[in-house]
């Protein structure tokens, strides 16, 4: 719901009122009871982002977070010994026909 600013031209009382967009403007000043209250045109409110930030994943479901944690844990777990062994070196094979002899 937006906050509207009002001013009374008679007593110069200024105040803000939280109202729904479809609510009719207030007509009576709460201080002097004058019926000439005016709703002012505001500049709007800037958005303030405080804290570590806001990300798309901040509001994911609990199940999604549990699955993501399991996946991250399994990715950081030590790998099996078979995966850690280096591959054996393969020997270079000579092309068919062998080496050419000089002067032959």
PDB file of N, CA and C in Angstrom:
ATOM      1  N   UNK A   1       0.844  -1.181   0.000  1.00  0.00           N
ATOM      2  CA  UNK A   1       0.000   0.000   0.000  1.00  0.00           C
ATOM      3  C   UNK A   1       0.886   1.240   0.000  1.00  0.00           C
ATOM      4  N   UNK A   2       0.515   2.222  -0.801  1.00  0.00           N
ATOM      5  CA  UNK A   2       1.319   3.449  -0.854  1.00  0.00           C
ATOM      6  C   UNK A   2       1.056   4.380   0.330  1.00  0.00           C
ATOM      7  N   UNK A   3       2.028   5.229   0.573  1.00  0.00           N
ATOM      8  CA  UNK A   3       1.915   6.254   1.609  1.00  0.00           C
ATOM      9  C   UNK A   3       1.648   7.585   0.908  1.00  0.00           C
ATOM     10  N   UNK A   4       0.586   8.257   1.305  1.00  0.00           N
ATOM     11  CA  UNK A   4       0.229   9.549   0.717  1.00  0.00           C
ATOM     12  C   UNK A   4       0.541  10.655   1.704  1.00  0.00           C
ATOM     13  N   UNK A   5       0.945  11.798   1.177  1.00  0.00           N
ATOM     14  CA  UNK A   5       1.243  12.954   2.017  1.00  0.00           C
ATOM     15  C   UNK A   5       0.102  13.968   1.861  1.00  0.00           C
ATOM     16  N   UNK A   6      -0.325  14.507   2.991  1.00  0.00           N
ATOM     17  CA  UNK A   6      -1.416  15.480   3.017  1.00  0.00           C
ATOM     18  C   UNK A   6      -0.942  16.769   3.681  1.00  0.00           C
ATOM     19  N   UNK A   7      -1.609  17.899   3.305  1.00  0.00           N
ATOM     20  CA  UNK A   7      -1.329  19.184   3.931  1.00  0.00           C
ATOM     21  C   UNK A   7      -2.632  19.960   4.068  1.00  0.00           C
ATOM     22  N   UNK A   8      -2.769  20.580   5.225  1.00  0.00           N
ATOM     23  CA  UNK A   8      -3.937  21.414   5.477  1.00  0.00           C
ATOM     24  C   UNK A   8      -3.551  22.863   5.177  1.00  0.00           C
ATOM     25  N   UNK A   9      -4.223  23.549   4.250  1.00  0.00           N
ATOM     26  CA  UNK A   9      -3.887  24.947   3.940  1.00  0.00           C
ATOM     27  C   UNK A   9      -4.253  25.906   5.081  1.00  0.00           C
ATOM     28  N   UNK A  10      -5.160  25.513   5.949  1.00  0.00           N
ATOM     29  CA  UNK A  10      -5.588  26.398   7.031  1.00  0.00           C
ATOM     30  C   UNK A  10      -4.570  26.419   8.183  1.00  0.00           C
ATOM     31  N   UNK A  11      -4.193  25.248   8.701  1.00  0.00           N
ATOM     32  CA  UNK A  11      -3.268  25.207   9.843  1.00  0.00           C
ATOM     33  C   UNK A  11      -1.853  24.770   9.451  1.00  0.00           C
ATOM     34  N   UNK A  12      -1.640  24.478   8.186  1.00  0.00           N
ATOM     35  CA  UNK A  12      -0.357  24.061   7.622  1.00  0.00           C
ATOM     36  C   UNK A  12       0.175  22.757   8.227  1.00  0.00           C
ATOM     37  N   UNK A  13      -0.720  21.946   8.724  1.00  0.00           N
ATOM     38  CA  UNK A  13      -0.340  20.636   9.269  1.00  0.00           C
ATOM     39  C   UNK A  13      -0.061  19.684   8.106  1.00  0.00           C
ATOM     40  N   UNK A  14       1.120  19.035   8.150  1.00  0.00           N
ATOM     41  CA  UNK A  14       1.504  18.050   7.120  1.00  0.00           C
ATOM     42  C   UNK A  14       1.628  16.692   7.783  1.00  0.00           C
ATOM     43  N   UNK A  15       1.120  15.666   7.112  1.00  0.00           N
ATOM     44  CA  UNK A  15       1.235  14.309   7.649  1.00  0.00           C
ATOM     45  C   UNK A  15       1.160  13.296   6.505  1.00  0.00           C
ATOM     46  N   UNK A  16       1.562  12.078   6.821  1.00  0.00           N
ATOM     47  CA  UNK A  16       1.510  10.987   5.859  1.00  0.00           C
ATOM     48  C   UNK A  16       0.472   9.981   6.317  1.00  0.00           C
ATOM     49  N   UNK A  17      -0.152   9.333   5.336  1.00  0.00           N
ATOM     50  CA  UNK A  17      -1.181   8.342   5.649  1.00  0.00           C
ATOM     51  C   UNK A  17      -0.998   7.151   4.719  1.00  0.00           C
ATOM     52  N   UNK A  18      -0.952   5.954   5.300  1.00  0.00           N
ATOM     53  CA  UNK A  18      -0.858   4.722   4.536  1.00  0.00           C
ATOM     54  C   UNK A  18      -2.261   4.334   4.096  1.00  0.00           C
ATOM     55  N   UNK A  19      -2.489   4.310   2.769  1.00  0.00           N
ATOM     56  CA  UNK A  19      -3.819   4.019   2.238  1.00  0.00           C
ATOM     57  C   UNK A  19      -3.700   3.116   1.022  1.00  0.00           C
ATOM     58  N   UNK A  20      -4.756   2.396   0.753  1.00  0.00           N
ATOM     59  CA  UNK A  20      -4.832   1.604  -0.466  1.00  0.00           C
ATOM     60  C   UNK A  20      -4.972   2.528  -1.668  1.00  0.00           C
ATOM     61  N   UNK A  21      -4.593   2.032  -2.837  1.00  0.00           N
ATOM     62  CA  UNK A  21      -4.647   2.868  -4.041  1.00  0.00           C
ATOM     63  C   UNK A  21      -6.077   3.243  -4.421  1.00  0.00           C
ATOM     64  N   UNK A  22      -7.023   2.404  -4.079  1.00  0.00           N
ATOM     65  CA  UNK A  22      -8.417   2.684  -4.439  1.00  0.00           C
ATOM     66  C   UNK A  22      -9.168   3.441  -3.348  1.00  0.00           C
ATOM     67  N   UNK A  23      -8.520   3.670  -2.206  1.00  0.00           N
ATOM     68  CA  UNK A  23      -9.169   4.393  -1.101  1.00  0.00           C
ATOM     69  C   UNK A  23      -9.355   5.866  -1.481  1.00  0.00           C
ATOM     70  N   UNK A  24     -10.484   6.470  -1.115  1.00  0.00           N
ATOM     71  CA  UNK A  24     -10.692   7.893  -1.423  1.00  0.00           C
ATOM     72  C   UNK A  24      -9.769   8.768  -0.576  1.00  0.00           C
ATOM     73  N   UNK A  25      -9.365   9.925  -1.092  1.00  0.00           N
ATOM     74  CA  UNK A  25      -8.499  10.824  -0.314  1.00  0.00           C
ATOM     75  C   UNK A  25      -9.199  11.320   0.952  1.00  0.00           C
ATOM     76  N   UNK A  26      -8.414  11.583   1.982  1.00  0.00           N
ATOM     77  CA  UNK A  26      -8.951  12.122   3.228  1.00  0.00           C
ATOM     78  C   UNK A  26      -9.324  13.589   2.984  1.00  0.00           C
ATOM     79  N   UNK A  27     -10.450  14.010   3.531  1.00  0.00           N
ATOM     80  CA  UNK A  27     -10.913  15.376   3.294  1.00  0.00           C
ATOM     81  C   UNK A  27     -10.827  16.272   4.523  1.00  0.00           C
ATOM     82  N   UNK A  28     -10.740  15.677   5.720  1.00  0.00           N
ATOM     83  CA  UNK A  28     -10.772  16.447   6.959  1.00  0.00           C
ATOM     84  C   UNK A  28      -9.413  16.412   7.651  1.00  0.00           C
ATOM     85  N   UNK A  29      -8.915  17.580   8.044  1.00  0.00           N
ATOM     86  CA  UNK A  29      -7.642  17.684   8.753  1.00  0.00           C
ATOM     87  C   UNK A  29      -7.808  17.098  10.163  1.00  0.00           C
ATOM     88  N   UNK A  30      -6.898  16.200  10.576  1.00  0.00           N
ATOM     89  CA  UNK A  30      -7.041  15.621  11.922  1.00  0.00           C
ATOM     90  C   UNK A  30      -6.732  16.612  13.047  1.00  0.00           C
ATOM     91  N   UNK A  31      -6.031  17.713  12.745  1.00  0.00           N
ATOM     92  CA  UNK A  31      -5.672  18.695  13.780  1.00  0.00           C
ATOM     93  C   UNK A  31      -6.757  19.757  13.961  1.00  0.00           C
ATOM     94  N   UNK A  32      -7.109  20.475  12.871  1.00  0.00           N
ATOM     95  CA  UNK A  32      -8.059  21.597  13.009  1.00  0.00           C
ATOM     96  C   UNK A  32      -9.462  21.276  12.490  1.00  0.00           C
ATOM     97  N   UNK A  33      -9.647  20.096  11.938  1.00  0.00           N
ATOM     98  CA  UNK A  33     -10.945  19.623  11.417  1.00  0.00           C
ATOM     99  C   UNK A  33     -11.441  20.408  10.204  1.00  0.00           C
ATOM    100  N   UNK A  34     -10.557  21.138   9.555  1.00  0.00           N
ATOM    101  CA  UNK A  34     -10.910  21.853   8.327  1.00  0.00           C
ATOM    102  C   UNK A  34     -11.202  20.829   7.229  1.00  0.00           C
ATOM    103  N   UNK A  35     -12.134  21.169   6.324  1.00  0.00           N
ATOM    104  CA  UNK A  35     -12.516  20.263   5.244  1.00  0.00           C
ATOM    105  C   UNK A  35     -11.766  20.588   3.951  1.00  0.00           C
ATOM    106  N   UNK A  36     -10.663  21.339   4.029  1.00  0.00           N
ATOM    107  CA  UNK A  36      -9.934  21.746   2.821  1.00  0.00           C
ATOM    108  C   UNK A  36      -8.609  20.989   2.653  1.00  0.00           C
ATOM    109  N   UNK A  37      -8.476  19.823   3.250  1.00  0.00           N
ATOM    110  CA  UNK A  37      -7.242  19.047   3.203  1.00  0.00           C
ATOM    111  C   UNK A  37      -6.882  18.689   1.759  1.00  0.00           C
ATOM    112  N   UNK A  38      -5.621  18.800   1.428  1.00  0.00           N
ATOM    113  CA  UNK A  38      -5.141  18.517   0.060  1.00  0.00           C
ATOM    114  C   UNK A  38      -4.149  17.354   0.100  1.00  0.00           C
ATOM    115  N   UNK A  39      -4.304  16.454  -0.855  1.00  0.00           N
ATOM    116  CA  UNK A  39      -3.318  15.379  -1.000  1.00  0.00           C
ATOM    117  C   UNK A  39      -2.224  15.891  -1.916  1.00  0.00           C
ATOM    118  N   UNK A  40      -0.971  15.768  -1.472  1.00  0.00           N
ATOM    119  CA  UNK A  40       0.168  16.281  -2.233  1.00  0.00           C
ATOM    120  C   UNK A  40       0.688  15.234  -3.208  1.00  0.00           C
ATOM    121  N   UNK A  41       1.294  15.723  -4.262  1.00  0.00           N
ATOM    122  CA  UNK A  41       1.918  14.834  -5.232  1.00  0.00           C
ATOM    123  C   UNK A  41       3.325  14.530  -4.729  1.00  0.00           C
ATOM    124  N   UNK A  42       3.590  13.266  -4.490  1.00  0.00           N
ATOM    125  CA  UNK A  42       4.891  12.859  -3.953  1.00  0.00           C
ATOM    126  C   UNK A  42       5.859  12.472  -5.061  1.00  0.00           C
ATOM    127  N   UNK A  43       7.113  12.370  -4.674  1.00  0.00           N
ATOM    128  CA  UNK A  43       8.144  11.966  -5.636  1.00  0.00           C
ATOM    129  C   UNK A  43       8.350  10.463  -5.627  1.00  0.00           C
ATOM    130  N   UNK A  44       7.681   9.760  -4.753  1.00  0.00           N
ATOM    131  CA  UNK A  44       7.867   8.320  -4.666  1.00  0.00           C
ATOM    132  C   UNK A  44       8.969   7.979  -3.688  1.00  0.00           C
ATOM    133  N   UNK A  45       9.167   6.714  -3.507  1.00  0.00           N
ATOM    134  CA  UNK A  45      10.148   6.240  -2.545  1.00  0.00           C
ATOM    135  C   UNK A  45      11.195   5.427  -3.283  1.00  0.00           C
ATOM    136  N   UNK A  46      12.437   5.697  -2.980  1.00  0.00           N
ATOM    137  CA  UNK A  46      13.507   4.891  -3.557  1.00  0.00           C
ATOM    138  C   UNK A  46      13.600   3.556  -2.844  1.00  0.00           C
ATOM    139  N   UNK A  47      14.109   2.570  -3.522  1.00  0.00           N
ATOM    140  CA  UNK A  47      14.264   1.250  -2.928  1.00  0.00           C
ATOM    141  C   UNK A  47      15.644   1.167  -2.307  1.00  0.00           C
ATOM    142  N   UNK A  48      15.693   0.729  -1.071  1.00  0.00           N
ATOM    143  CA  UNK A  48      16.964   0.576  -0.372  1.00  0.00           C
ATOM    144  C   UNK A  48      17.260  -0.909  -0.224  1.00  0.00           C
ATOM    145  N   UNK A  49      18.408  -1.337  -0.722  1.00  0.00           N
ATOM    146  CA  UNK A  49      18.845  -2.715  -0.560  1.00  0.00           C
ATOM    147  C   UNK A  49      19.912  -2.721   0.517  1.00  0.00           C
ATOM    148  N   UNK A  50      19.640  -3.387   1.619  1.00  0.00           N
ATOM    149  CA  UNK A  50      20.603  -3.460   2.710  1.00  0.00           C
ATOM    150  C   UNK A  50      20.946  -4.925   2.945  1.00  0.00           C
ATOM    151  N   UNK A  51      22.115  -5.163   3.459  1.00  0.00           N
ATOM    152  CA  UNK A  51      22.513  -6.521   3.778  1.00  0.00           C
ATOM    153  C   UNK A  51      23.427  -7.093   2.711  1.00  0.00           C
ATOM    154  N   UNK A  52      23.473  -8.420   2.668  1.00  0.00           N
ATOM    155  CA  UNK A  52      24.404  -9.101   1.776  1.00  0.00           C
ATOM    156  C   UNK A  52      23.939  -9.079   0.331  1.00  0.00           C
ATOM    157  N   UNK A  53      22.683  -8.813   0.092  1.00  0.00           N
ATOM    158  CA  UNK A  53      22.200  -8.745  -1.281  1.00  0.00           C
ATOM    159  C   UNK A  53      20.937  -9.563  -1.461  1.00  0.00           C
ATOM    160  N   UNK A  54      20.377  -9.465  -2.610  1.00  0.00           N
ATOM    161  CA  UNK A  54      19.154 -10.168  -2.942  1.00  0.00           C
ATOM    162  C   UNK A  54      19.414 -10.941  -4.218  1.00  0.00           C
ATOM    163  N   UNK A  55      19.180 -12.232  -4.158  1.00  0.00           N
ATOM    164  CA  UNK A  55      19.469 -13.097  -5.290  1.00  0.00           C
ATOM    165  C   UNK A  55      18.244 -13.920  -5.634  1.00  0.00           C
ATOM    166  N   UNK A  56      18.221 -14.420  -6.857  1.00  0.00           N
ATOM    167  CA  UNK A  56      17.099 -15.222  -7.334  1.00  0.00           C
ATOM    168  C   UNK A  56      16.902 -16.450  -6.447  1.00  0.00           C
ATOM    169  N   UNK A  57      17.978 -17.006  -5.932  1.00  0.00           N
ATOM    170  CA  UNK A  57      17.907 -18.230  -5.148  1.00  0.00           C
ATOM    171  C   UNK A  57      17.579 -17.991  -3.676  1.00  0.00           C
ATOM    172  N   UNK A  58      17.411 -16.771  -3.242  1.00  0.00           N
ATOM    173  CA  UNK A  58      17.126 -16.485  -1.832  1.00  0.00           C
ATOM    174  C   UNK A  58      15.805 -17.081  -1.364  1.00  0.00           C
ATOM    175  N   UNK A  59      14.854 -17.224  -2.245  1.00  0.00           N
ATOM    176  CA  UNK A  59      13.518 -17.628  -1.848  1.00  0.00           C
ATOM    177  C   UNK A  59      13.135 -19.003  -2.407  1.00  0.00           C
ATOM    178  N   UNK A  60      14.131 -19.872  -2.613  1.00  0.00           N
ATOM    179  CA  UNK A  60      13.855 -21.220  -3.119  1.00  0.00           C
ATOM    180  C   UNK A  60      13.174 -22.051  -2.031  1.00  0.00           C
ATOM    181  N   UNK A  61      12.528 -23.148  -2.463  1.00  0.00           N
ATOM    182  CA  UNK A  61      11.840 -24.023  -1.509  1.00  0.00           C
ATOM    183  C   UNK A  61      12.848 -24.771  -0.642  1.00  0.00           C
ATOM    184  N   UNK A  62      12.368 -25.291   0.458  1.00  0.00           N
ATOM    185  CA  UNK A  62      13.234 -26.017   1.391  1.00  0.00           C
ATOM    186  C   UNK A  62      13.795 -27.278   0.733  1.00  0.00           C
ATOM    187  N   UNK A  63      12.975 -27.981  -0.060  1.00  0.00           N
ATOM    188  CA  UNK A  63      13.451 -29.190  -0.750  1.00  0.00           C
ATOM    189  C   UNK A  63      14.573 -28.864  -1.719  1.00  0.00           C
ATOM    190  N   UNK A  64      14.448 -27.767  -2.429  1.00  0.00           N
ATOM    191  CA  UNK A  64      15.490 -27.367  -3.374  1.00  0.00           C
ATOM    192  C   UNK A  64      16.804 -27.113  -2.628  1.00  0.00           C
ATOM    193  N   UNK A  65      16.733 -26.435  -1.496  1.00  0.00           N
ATOM    194  CA  UNK A  65      17.945 -26.133  -0.731  1.00  0.00           C
ATOM    195  C   UNK A  65      18.609 -27.406  -0.206  1.00  0.00           C
ATOM    196  N   UNK A  66      17.788 -28.379   0.246  1.00  0.00           N
ATOM    197  CA  UNK A  66      18.348 -29.642   0.740  1.00  0.00           C
ATOM    198  C   UNK A  66      19.064 -30.383  -0.382  1.00  0.00           C
ATOM    199  N   UNK A  67      18.432 -30.466  -1.564  1.00  0.00           N
ATOM    200  CA  UNK A  67      19.048 -31.151  -2.701  1.00  0.00           C
ATOM    201  C   UNK A  67      20.328 -30.448  -3.141  1.00  0.00           C
ATOM    202  N   UNK A  68      20.334 -29.130  -3.145  1.00  0.00           N
ATOM    203  CA  UNK A  68      21.522 -28.373  -3.542  1.00  0.00           C
ATOM    204  C   UNK A  68      22.658 -28.603  -2.548  1.00  0.00           C
ATOM    205  N   UNK A  69      22.333 -28.702  -1.260  1.00  0.00           N
ATOM    206  CA  UNK A  69      23.361 -28.950  -0.244  1.00  0.00           C
ATOM    207  C   UNK A  69      23.957 -30.337  -0.422  1.00  0.00           C
ATOM    208  N   UNK A  70      23.110 -31.355  -0.692  1.00  0.00           N
ATOM    209  CA  UNK A  70      23.605 -32.707  -0.928  1.00  0.00           C
ATOM    210  C   UNK A  70      24.545 -32.734  -2.131  1.00  0.00           C
ATOM    211  N   UNK A  71      24.142 -32.063  -3.183  1.00  0.00           N
ATOM    212  CA  UNK A  71      24.955 -32.022  -4.407  1.00  0.00           C
ATOM    213  C   UNK A  71      26.300 -31.348  -4.144  1.00  0.00           C
ATOM    214  N   UNK A  72      26.290 -30.256  -3.405  1.00  0.00           N
ATOM    215  CA  UNK A  72      27.531 -29.547  -3.095  1.00  0.00           C
ATOM    216  C   UNK A  72      28.435 -30.399  -2.208  1.00  0.00           C
ATOM    217  N   UNK A  73      27.839 -31.120  -1.244  1.00  0.00           N
ATOM    218  CA  UNK A  73      28.625 -31.984  -0.368  1.00  0.00           C
ATOM    219  C   UNK A  73      29.262 -33.124  -1.147  1.00  0.00           C
ATOM    220  N   UNK A  74      28.526 -33.720  -2.066  1.00  0.00           N
ATOM    221  CA  UNK A  74      29.075 -34.837  -2.842  1.00  0.00           C
ATOM    222  C   UNK A  74      30.160 -34.354  -3.804  1.00  0.00           C
ATOM    223  N   UNK A  75      30.064 -33.145  -4.286  1.00  0.00           N
ATOM    224  CA  UNK A  75      31.078 -32.603  -5.197  1.00  0.00           C
ATOM    225  C   UNK A  75      32.373 -32.304  -4.453  1.00  0.00           C
ATOM    226  N   UNK A  76      32.298 -31.960  -3.176  1.00  0.00           N
ATOM    227  CA  UNK A  76      33.503 -31.626  -2.420  1.00  0.00           C
ATOM    228  C   UNK A  76      34.080 -32.841  -1.693  1.00  0.00           C
ATOM    229  N   UNK A  77      33.390 -33.999  -1.705  1.00  0.00           N
ATOM    230  CA  UNK A  77      33.877 -35.209  -1.049  1.00  0.00           C
ATOM    231  C   UNK A  77      35.088 -35.756  -1.790  1.00  0.00           C
ATOM    232  N   UNK A  78      36.024 -36.445  -1.100  1.00  0.00           N
ATOM    233  CA  UNK A  78      37.193 -37.000  -1.778  1.00  0.00           C
ATOM    234  C   UNK A  78      36.773 -38.047  -2.798  1.00  0.00           C
ATOM    235  N   UNK A  79      37.488 -38.088  -3.918  1.00  0.00           N
ATOM    236  CA  UNK A  79      37.159 -39.019  -4.992  1.00  0.00           C
ATOM    237  C   UNK A  79      37.732 -40.388  -4.659  1.00  0.00           C
ATOM    238  N   UNK A  80      37.247 -41.425  -5.324  1.00  0.00           N
ATOM    239  CA  UNK A  80      37.729 -42.786  -5.087  1.00  0.00           C
ATOM    240  C   UNK A  80      39.167 -42.919  -5.566  1.00  0.00           C
ATOM    241  N   UNK A  81      39.873 -43.963  -5.079  1.00  0.00           N
ATOM    242  CA  UNK A  81      41.279 -44.157  -5.435  1.00  0.00           C
ATOM    243  C   UNK A  81      41.454 -44.407  -6.924  1.00  0.00           C
ATOM    244  N   UNK A  82      40.503 -45.110  -7.541  1.00  0.00           N
ATOM    245  CA  UNK A  82      40.608 -45.414  -8.967  1.00  0.00           C
ATOM    246  C   UNK A  82      40.608 -44.138  -9.794  1.00  0.00           C
ATOM    247  N   UNK A  83      39.858 -43.169  -9.367  1.00  0.00           N
ATOM    248  CA  UNK A  83      39.786 -41.919 -10.118  1.00  0.00           C
ATOM    249  C   UNK A  83      41.041 -41.090  -9.928  1.00  0.00           C
ATOM    250  N   UNK A  84      41.759 -41.309  -8.806  1.00  0.00           N
ATOM    251  CA  UNK A  84      42.945 -40.509  -8.520  1.00  0.00           C
ATOM    252  C   UNK A  84      44.212 -41.032  -9.191  1.00  0.00           C
ATOM    253  N   UNK A  85      44.242 -42.330  -9.601  1.00  0.00           N
ATOM    254  CA  UNK A  85      45.443 -42.909 -10.203  1.00  0.00           C
ATOM    255  C   UNK A  85      45.706 -42.273 -11.560  1.00  0.00           C
ATOM    256  N   UNK A  86      46.965 -41.917 -11.833  1.00  0.00           N
ATOM    257  CA  UNK A  86      47.258 -41.359 -13.154  1.00  0.00           C
ATOM    258  C   UNK A  86      47.198 -42.453 -14.203  1.00  0.00           C
ATOM    259  N   UNK A  87      46.881 -42.073 -15.417  1.00  0.00           N
ATOM    260  CA  UNK A  87      46.793 -43.027 -16.517  1.00  0.00           C
ATOM    261  C   UNK A  87      48.197 -43.468 -16.908  1.00  0.00           C
ATOM    262  N   UNK A  88      48.302 -44.729 -17.331  1.00  0.00           N
ATOM    263  CA  UNK A  88      49.595 -45.265 -17.758  1.00  0.00           C
ATOM    264  C   UNK A  88      50.006 -44.590 -19.061  1.00  0.00           C
ATOM    265  N   UNK A  89      51.343 -44.402 -19.207  1.00  0.00           N
ATOM    266  CA  UNK A  89      51.830 -43.778 -20.430  1.00  0.00           C
ATOM    267  C   UNK A  89      51.762 -44.778 -21.564  1.00  0.00           C
ATOM    268  N   UNK A  90      51.373 -44.312 -22.701  1.00  0.00           N
ATOM    269  CA  UNK A  90      51.327 -45.181 -23.880  1.00  0.00           C
ATOM    270  C   UNK A  90      52.584 -44.944 -24.700  1.00  0.00           C
ATOM    271  N   UNK A  91      53.143 -46.037 -25.240  1.00  0.00           N
ATOM    272  CA  UNK A  91      54.349 -45.926 -26.038  1.00  0.00           C
ATOM    273  C   UNK A  91      53.992 -45.495 -27.445  1.00  0.00           C
ATOM    274  N   UNK A  92      54.916 -44.744 -28.062  1.00  0.00           N
ATOM    275  CA  UNK A  92      54.710 -44.325 -29.442  1.00  0.00           C
ATOM    276  C   UNK A  92      54.935 -45.506 -30.356  1.00  0.00           C
ATOM    277  N   UNK A  93      54.057 -45.708 -31.250  1.00  0.00           N
ATOM    278  CA  UNK A  93      54.205 -46.793 -32.212  1.00  0.00           C
ATOM    279  C   UNK A  93      54.814 -46.243 -33.486  1.00  0.00           C
ATOM    280  N   UNK A  94      55.693 -47.032 -34.084  1.00  0.00           N
ATOM    281  CA  UNK A  94      56.305 -46.668 -35.345  1.00  0.00           C
ATOM    282  C   UNK A  94      55.282 -46.836 -36.446  1.00  0.00           C
ATOM    283  N   UNK A  95      55.342 -45.953 -37.468  1.00  0.00           N
ATOM    284  CA  UNK A  95      54.425 -46.144 -38.589  1.00  0.00           C
ATOM    285  C   UNK A  95      54.788 -47.431 -39.337  1.00  0.00           C
ATOM    286  N   UNK A  96      53.811 -47.969 -40.035  1.00  0.00           N
ATOM    287  CA  UNK A  96      54.024 -49.214 -40.779  1.00  0.00           C
ATOM    288  C   UNK A  96      55.141 -49.032 -41.785  1.00  0.00           C
ATOM    289  N   UNK A  97      55.920 -50.073 -42.003  1.00  0.00           N
ATOM    290  CA  UNK A  97      57.035 -50.009 -42.957  1.00  0.00           C
ATOM    291  C   UNK A  97      58.355 -49.739 -42.263  1.00  0.00           C
ATOM    292  N   UNK A  98      58.381 -49.422 -41.014  1.00  0.00           N
ATOM    293  CA  UNK A  98      59.598 -49.205 -40.249  1.00  0.00           C
ATOM    294  C   UNK A  98      60.350 -47.983 -40.696  1.00  0.00           C
ATOM    295  N   UNK A  99      61.575 -47.854 -40.177  1.00  0.00           N
ATOM    296  CA  UNK A  99      62.405 -46.709 -40.497  1.00  0.00           C
ATOM    297  C   UNK A  99      63.100 -46.947 -41.831  1.00  0.00           C
ATOM    298  N   UNK A 100      63.316 -45.871 -42.584  1.00  0.00           N
ATOM    299  CA  UNK A 100      64.032 -45.970 -43.864  1.00  0.00           C
ATOM    300  C   UNK A 100      65.524 -45.927 -43.554  1.00  0.00           C
ATOM    301  N   UNK A 101      66.279 -46.793 -44.246  1.00  0.00           N
ATOM    302  CA  UNK A 101      67.718 -46.814 -44.039  1.00  0.00           C
ATOM    303  C   UNK A 101      68.358 -45.867 -45.026  1.00  0.00           C
ATOM    304  N   UNK A 102      69.355 -45.184 -44.583  1.00  0.00           N
ATOM    305  CA  UNK A 102      70.055 -44.248 -45.457  1.00  0.00           C
ATOM    306  C   UNK A 102      70.851 -45.027 -46.509  1.00  0.00           C
ATOM    307  N   UNK A 103      70.789 -44.606 -47.742  1.00  0.00           N
ATOM    308  CA  UNK A 103      71.550 -45.200 -48.839  1.00  0.00           C
ATOM    309  C   UNK A 103      70.945 -46.478 -49.371  1.00  0.00           C
ATOM    310  N   UNK A 104      69.796 -46.824 -49.030  1.00  0.00           N
ATOM    311  CA  UNK A 104      69.218 -48.058 -49.535  1.00  0.00           C
ATOM    312  C   UNK A 104      68.365 -47.868 -50.732  1.00  0.00           C
TER     313      UNK A 104
END
